[in-house]
Amino acid sequence: MSLWVYVEGGGDQGSVKSACRQAFRLFFEKIIPAGAFKVIASGGRQRAFDNFCLALENHPGDFVLLLVDSEDPVHVGNGTWAHLKRRDNWDRPDLVCCPGNTFT
């Protein structure tokens, strides 16, 4: 099983995306062994979400994470996906197509 971390950030330039990937890699290596995960800097939040959804379909046995700014406060009692639906009109990916992943 592999760990894929799709992050919002890095813009559209290769050098900035590279710096973003390196920064997140250094951050995650404090808790996850080096080489046990891959960080994908996706640029904007919509592209990060789209890449995340594709990865869920393409890597069903792997653990796939999405890391985006909340942009607005997440209200107590609302789940993460309810916030993202309200703010970005994102639907939680279908668990049936992605049995290796769990969502909150």
N, C-alpha and C. Protein backbone atom coordinates (compact mmCIF):
# COMPACT_ATOMS: atom_id res chain seq x y z
N MET A 1 0.85 -1.17 0.00
CA MET A 1 0.00 0.00 0.00
C MET A 1 0.90 1.24 0.00
N SER A 2 0.52 2.22 -0.79
CA SER A 2 1.25 3.48 -0.86
C SER A 2 0.40 4.60 -0.28
N LEU A 3 1.07 5.67 0.10
CA LEU A 3 0.42 6.87 0.62
C LEU A 3 0.67 8.00 -0.35
N TRP A 4 -0.40 8.60 -0.86
CA TRP A 4 -0.35 9.73 -1.79
C TRP A 4 -0.97 10.92 -1.07
N VAL A 5 -0.27 12.06 -1.07
CA VAL A 5 -0.78 13.28 -0.43
C VAL A 5 -0.90 14.36 -1.50
N TYR A 6 -2.13 14.69 -1.84
CA TYR A 6 -2.41 15.74 -2.83
C TYR A 6 -2.63 17.04 -2.09
N VAL A 7 -1.79 18.04 -2.39
CA VAL A 7 -1.86 19.30 -1.66
C VAL A 7 -2.21 20.45 -2.60
N GLU A 8 -2.96 21.38 -2.05
CA GLU A 8 -3.21 22.64 -2.73
C GLU A 8 -1.96 23.48 -2.56
N GLY A 9 -1.46 24.03 -3.64
CA GLY A 9 -0.29 24.89 -3.53
C GLY A 9 0.72 24.61 -4.61
N GLY A 10 1.64 25.51 -4.75
CA GLY A 10 2.71 25.35 -5.71
C GLY A 10 2.52 26.11 -6.99
N GLY A 11 1.34 26.70 -7.18
CA GLY A 11 1.11 27.49 -8.38
C GLY A 11 1.24 26.68 -9.65
N ASP A 12 1.55 27.37 -10.73
CA ASP A 12 1.63 26.73 -12.04
C ASP A 12 3.06 26.57 -12.54
N GLN A 13 4.03 27.10 -11.81
CA GLN A 13 5.43 27.02 -12.26
C GLN A 13 6.11 25.82 -11.63
N GLY A 14 6.90 25.12 -12.43
CA GLY A 14 7.59 23.92 -11.96
C GLY A 14 8.48 24.15 -10.76
N SER A 15 9.20 25.27 -10.74
CA SER A 15 10.12 25.52 -9.62
C SER A 15 9.35 25.76 -8.32
N VAL A 16 8.21 26.40 -8.41
CA VAL A 16 7.41 26.66 -7.21
C VAL A 16 6.75 25.36 -6.74
N LYS A 17 6.28 24.54 -7.68
CA LYS A 17 5.70 23.25 -7.30
C LYS A 17 6.75 22.38 -6.64
N SER A 18 7.97 22.41 -7.16
CA SER A 18 9.05 21.63 -6.58
C SER A 18 9.33 22.06 -5.14
N ALA A 19 9.37 23.36 -4.91
CA ALA A 19 9.60 23.87 -3.55
C ALA A 19 8.46 23.49 -2.63
N CYS A 20 7.24 23.53 -3.13
CA CYS A 20 6.07 23.15 -2.34
C CYS A 20 6.15 21.67 -1.96
N ARG A 21 6.45 20.81 -2.92
CA ARG A 21 6.59 19.38 -2.65
C ARG A 21 7.67 19.12 -1.61
N GLN A 22 8.80 19.81 -1.75
CA GLN A 22 9.91 19.61 -0.82
C GLN A 22 9.53 20.04 0.58
N ALA A 23 8.84 21.16 0.71
CA ALA A 23 8.44 21.64 2.03
C ALA A 23 7.48 20.66 2.71
N PHE A 24 6.48 20.18 1.97
CA PHE A 24 5.55 19.21 2.55
C PHE A 24 6.23 17.88 2.83
N ARG A 25 7.16 17.47 1.98
CA ARG A 25 7.89 16.23 2.22
C ARG A 25 8.66 16.33 3.53
N LEU A 26 9.37 17.45 3.74
CA LEU A 26 10.11 17.63 4.99
C LEU A 26 9.19 17.63 6.20
N PHE A 27 8.03 18.24 6.05
CA PHE A 27 7.04 18.27 7.14
C PHE A 27 6.58 16.86 7.48
N PHE A 28 6.15 16.10 6.47
CA PHE A 28 5.62 14.76 6.71
C PHE A 28 6.69 13.78 7.16
N GLU A 29 7.95 13.99 6.76
CA GLU A 29 9.02 13.08 7.18
C GLU A 29 9.27 13.14 8.68
N LYS A 30 8.72 14.10 9.37
CA LYS A 30 8.83 14.15 10.84
C LYS A 30 7.98 13.07 11.49
N ILE A 31 6.96 12.56 10.75
CA ILE A 31 6.08 11.54 11.33
C ILE A 31 5.93 10.29 10.47
N ILE A 32 6.33 10.38 9.20
CA ILE A 32 6.22 9.24 8.28
C ILE A 32 7.60 8.98 7.69
N PRO A 33 8.04 7.74 7.63
CA PRO A 33 9.37 7.46 7.09
C PRO A 33 9.54 7.96 5.65
N ALA A 34 10.72 8.49 5.38
CA ALA A 34 11.03 8.95 4.02
C ALA A 34 10.84 7.80 3.04
N GLY A 35 10.28 8.11 1.90
CA GLY A 35 10.04 7.10 0.88
C GLY A 35 8.74 6.34 1.03
N ALA A 36 8.04 6.55 2.15
CA ALA A 36 6.78 5.84 2.39
C ALA A 36 5.57 6.59 1.84
N PHE A 37 5.79 7.75 1.27
CA PHE A 37 4.68 8.56 0.76
C PHE A 37 5.17 9.41 -0.40
N LYS A 38 4.21 9.92 -1.15
CA LYS A 38 4.52 10.83 -2.25
C LYS A 38 3.63 12.05 -2.12
N VAL A 39 4.24 13.24 -2.22
CA VAL A 39 3.50 14.50 -2.18
C VAL A 39 3.33 15.00 -3.61
N ILE A 40 2.10 15.36 -3.94
CA ILE A 40 1.80 15.91 -5.26
C ILE A 40 1.27 17.32 -5.07
N ALA A 41 2.06 18.32 -5.44
CA ALA A 41 1.62 19.72 -5.39
C ALA A 41 0.78 19.97 -6.63
N SER A 42 -0.48 20.32 -6.42
CA SER A 42 -1.43 20.38 -7.53
C SER A 42 -1.75 21.78 -8.02
N GLY A 43 -1.18 22.79 -7.41
CA GLY A 43 -1.56 24.16 -7.78
C GLY A 43 -2.82 24.55 -7.04
N GLY A 44 -3.83 24.98 -7.77
CA GLY A 44 -5.07 25.46 -7.17
C GLY A 44 -5.89 24.37 -6.51
N ARG A 45 -6.84 24.79 -5.67
CA ARG A 45 -7.62 23.85 -4.88
C ARG A 45 -8.50 22.96 -5.75
N GLN A 46 -9.08 23.49 -6.82
CA GLN A 46 -9.93 22.64 -7.67
C GLN A 46 -9.10 21.57 -8.36
N ARG A 47 -7.92 21.94 -8.82
CA ARG A 47 -7.04 20.94 -9.46
C ARG A 47 -6.60 19.90 -8.43
N ALA A 48 -6.33 20.31 -7.18
CA ALA A 48 -5.96 19.36 -6.14
C ALA A 48 -7.09 18.36 -5.90
N PHE A 49 -8.33 18.86 -5.83
CA PHE A 49 -9.48 17.99 -5.63
C PHE A 49 -9.65 17.04 -6.81
N ASP A 50 -9.55 17.57 -8.03
CA ASP A 50 -9.68 16.73 -9.21
C ASP A 50 -8.61 15.64 -9.25
N ASN A 51 -7.37 16.00 -8.94
CA ASN A 51 -6.27 15.02 -8.90
C ASN A 51 -6.51 13.97 -7.82
N PHE A 52 -7.01 14.41 -6.66
CA PHE A 52 -7.35 13.52 -5.55
C PHE A 52 -8.38 12.49 -5.99
N CYS A 53 -9.45 12.95 -6.66
CA CYS A 53 -10.50 12.04 -7.11
C CYS A 53 -9.97 11.04 -8.13
N LEU A 54 -9.13 11.50 -9.05
CA LEU A 54 -8.52 10.58 -10.02
C LEU A 54 -7.64 9.54 -9.33
N ALA A 55 -6.89 9.97 -8.33
CA ALA A 55 -6.02 9.05 -7.60
C ALA A 55 -6.83 7.99 -6.86
N LEU A 56 -7.99 8.38 -6.33
CA LEU A 56 -8.84 7.39 -5.66
C LEU A 56 -9.26 6.29 -6.62
N GLU A 57 -9.56 6.68 -7.85
CA GLU A 57 -9.96 5.70 -8.86
C GLU A 57 -8.77 4.87 -9.35
N ASN A 58 -7.62 5.52 -9.54
CA ASN A 58 -6.45 4.85 -10.11
C ASN A 58 -5.64 4.04 -9.11
N HIS A 59 -5.81 4.32 -7.82
CA HIS A 59 -5.03 3.63 -6.78
C HIS A 59 -5.96 3.14 -5.67
N PRO A 60 -6.90 2.25 -6.00
CA PRO A 60 -7.92 1.86 -5.01
C PRO A 60 -7.37 1.15 -3.78
N GLY A 61 -6.22 0.54 -3.86
CA GLY A 61 -5.65 -0.14 -2.70
C GLY A 61 -4.74 0.73 -1.86
N ASP A 62 -4.55 1.97 -2.28
CA ASP A 62 -3.63 2.87 -1.59
C ASP A 62 -4.39 3.85 -0.70
N PHE A 63 -3.67 4.52 0.16
CA PHE A 63 -4.24 5.54 1.03
C PHE A 63 -3.98 6.88 0.37
N VAL A 64 -5.04 7.60 0.05
CA VAL A 64 -4.95 8.85 -0.69
C VAL A 64 -5.52 9.98 0.17
N LEU A 65 -4.72 11.04 0.36
CA LEU A 65 -5.13 12.18 1.18
C LEU A 65 -5.25 13.44 0.34
N LEU A 66 -6.14 14.33 0.74
CA LEU A 66 -6.29 15.65 0.15
C LEU A 66 -6.03 16.67 1.24
N LEU A 67 -5.15 17.61 0.97
CA LEU A 67 -4.83 18.66 1.92
C LEU A 67 -5.05 20.01 1.26
N VAL A 68 -6.14 20.69 1.65
CA VAL A 68 -6.46 22.02 1.12
C VAL A 68 -6.78 22.93 2.30
N ASP A 69 -6.62 24.24 2.07
CA ASP A 69 -7.02 25.23 3.08
C ASP A 69 -8.53 25.18 3.24
N SER A 70 -9.01 25.39 4.46
CA SER A 70 -10.46 25.44 4.65
C SER A 70 -11.04 26.73 4.08
N GLU A 71 -10.21 27.76 3.96
CA GLU A 71 -10.59 29.08 3.44
C GLU A 71 -11.54 29.83 4.37
N ASP A 72 -12.49 29.14 4.95
CA ASP A 72 -13.46 29.70 5.90
C ASP A 72 -13.47 28.82 7.13
N PRO A 73 -13.97 29.35 8.25
CA PRO A 73 -14.08 28.49 9.44
C PRO A 73 -15.00 27.30 9.18
N VAL A 74 -14.60 26.14 9.70
CA VAL A 74 -15.46 24.96 9.66
C VAL A 74 -16.27 24.98 10.94
N HIS A 75 -17.58 25.13 10.81
CA HIS A 75 -18.43 25.31 11.97
C HIS A 75 -18.56 24.01 12.77
N VAL A 76 -18.57 24.14 14.09
CA VAL A 76 -18.73 23.00 14.98
C VAL A 76 -20.02 22.28 14.62
N GLY A 77 -19.95 20.97 14.53
CA GLY A 77 -21.11 20.17 14.19
C GLY A 77 -21.21 19.86 12.71
N ASN A 78 -20.50 20.61 11.89
CA ASN A 78 -20.47 20.31 10.46
C ASN A 78 -19.25 19.46 10.17
N GLY A 79 -19.41 18.45 9.39
CA GLY A 79 -18.28 17.62 9.00
C GLY A 79 -17.47 18.30 7.91
N THR A 80 -16.30 17.74 7.69
CA THR A 80 -15.40 18.26 6.67
C THR A 80 -16.07 18.31 5.31
N TRP A 81 -16.72 17.21 4.93
CA TRP A 81 -17.33 17.16 3.60
C TRP A 81 -18.52 18.09 3.48
N ALA A 82 -19.27 18.31 4.57
CA ALA A 82 -20.37 19.28 4.53
C ALA A 82 -19.81 20.68 4.28
N HIS A 83 -18.68 20.99 4.91
CA HIS A 83 -18.04 22.29 4.69
C HIS A 83 -17.59 22.44 3.23
N LEU A 84 -16.95 21.41 2.71
CA LEU A 84 -16.47 21.47 1.33
C LEU A 84 -17.62 21.50 0.32
N LYS A 85 -18.72 20.86 0.65
CA LYS A 85 -19.89 20.92 -0.23
C LYS A 85 -20.45 22.34 -0.25
N ARG A 86 -20.56 22.95 0.94
CA ARG A 86 -21.10 24.30 1.04
C ARG A 86 -20.18 25.31 0.37
N ARG A 87 -18.89 25.19 0.61
CA ARG A 87 -17.95 26.19 0.12
C ARG A 87 -17.59 26.03 -1.35
N ASP A 88 -17.31 24.78 -1.77
CA ASP A 88 -16.79 24.52 -3.12
C ASP A 88 -17.71 23.69 -4.00
N ASN A 89 -18.83 23.26 -3.43
CA ASN A 89 -19.76 22.37 -4.12
C ASN A 89 -19.09 21.05 -4.50
N TRP A 90 -18.19 20.57 -3.62
CA TRP A 90 -17.52 19.30 -3.83
C TRP A 90 -18.34 18.20 -3.16
N ASP A 91 -18.56 17.13 -3.90
CA ASP A 91 -19.21 15.96 -3.33
C ASP A 91 -18.15 15.00 -2.83
N ARG A 92 -18.44 14.38 -1.72
CA ARG A 92 -17.53 13.36 -1.20
C ARG A 92 -17.42 12.24 -2.22
N PRO A 93 -16.22 11.81 -2.56
CA PRO A 93 -16.07 10.73 -3.54
C PRO A 93 -16.82 9.48 -3.09
N ASP A 94 -17.31 8.74 -4.05
CA ASP A 94 -18.08 7.53 -3.81
C ASP A 94 -17.20 6.46 -3.17
N LEU A 95 -17.61 5.98 -2.01
CA LEU A 95 -16.83 4.94 -1.33
C LEU A 95 -16.85 3.62 -2.08
N VAL A 96 -17.88 3.38 -2.87
CA VAL A 96 -17.98 2.13 -3.59
C VAL A 96 -16.84 1.99 -4.60
N CYS A 97 -16.48 3.13 -5.28
CA CYS A 97 -15.40 3.06 -6.27
C CYS A 97 -14.03 3.08 -5.61
N CYS A 98 -13.99 3.35 -4.33
CA CYS A 98 -12.70 3.53 -3.65
C CYS A 98 -12.68 2.74 -2.35
N PRO A 99 -12.79 1.39 -2.40
CA PRO A 99 -12.92 0.60 -1.17
C PRO A 99 -11.71 0.64 -0.25
N GLY A 100 -10.54 0.99 -0.75
CA GLY A 100 -9.34 1.01 0.08
C GLY A 100 -9.23 2.27 0.92
N ASN A 101 -10.12 3.22 0.73
CA ASN A 101 -10.05 4.50 1.42
C ASN A 101 -11.22 4.68 2.36
N THR A 102 -10.98 5.43 3.43
CA THR A 102 -12.06 5.77 4.36
C THR A 102 -12.12 7.28 4.45
N PHE A 103 -13.30 7.80 4.67
CA PHE A 103 -13.51 9.24 4.71
C PHE A 103 -14.23 9.62 5.99
N THR A 104 -13.99 10.85 6.42
CA THR A 104 -14.73 11.37 7.55
C THR A 104 -15.57 12.53 7.10
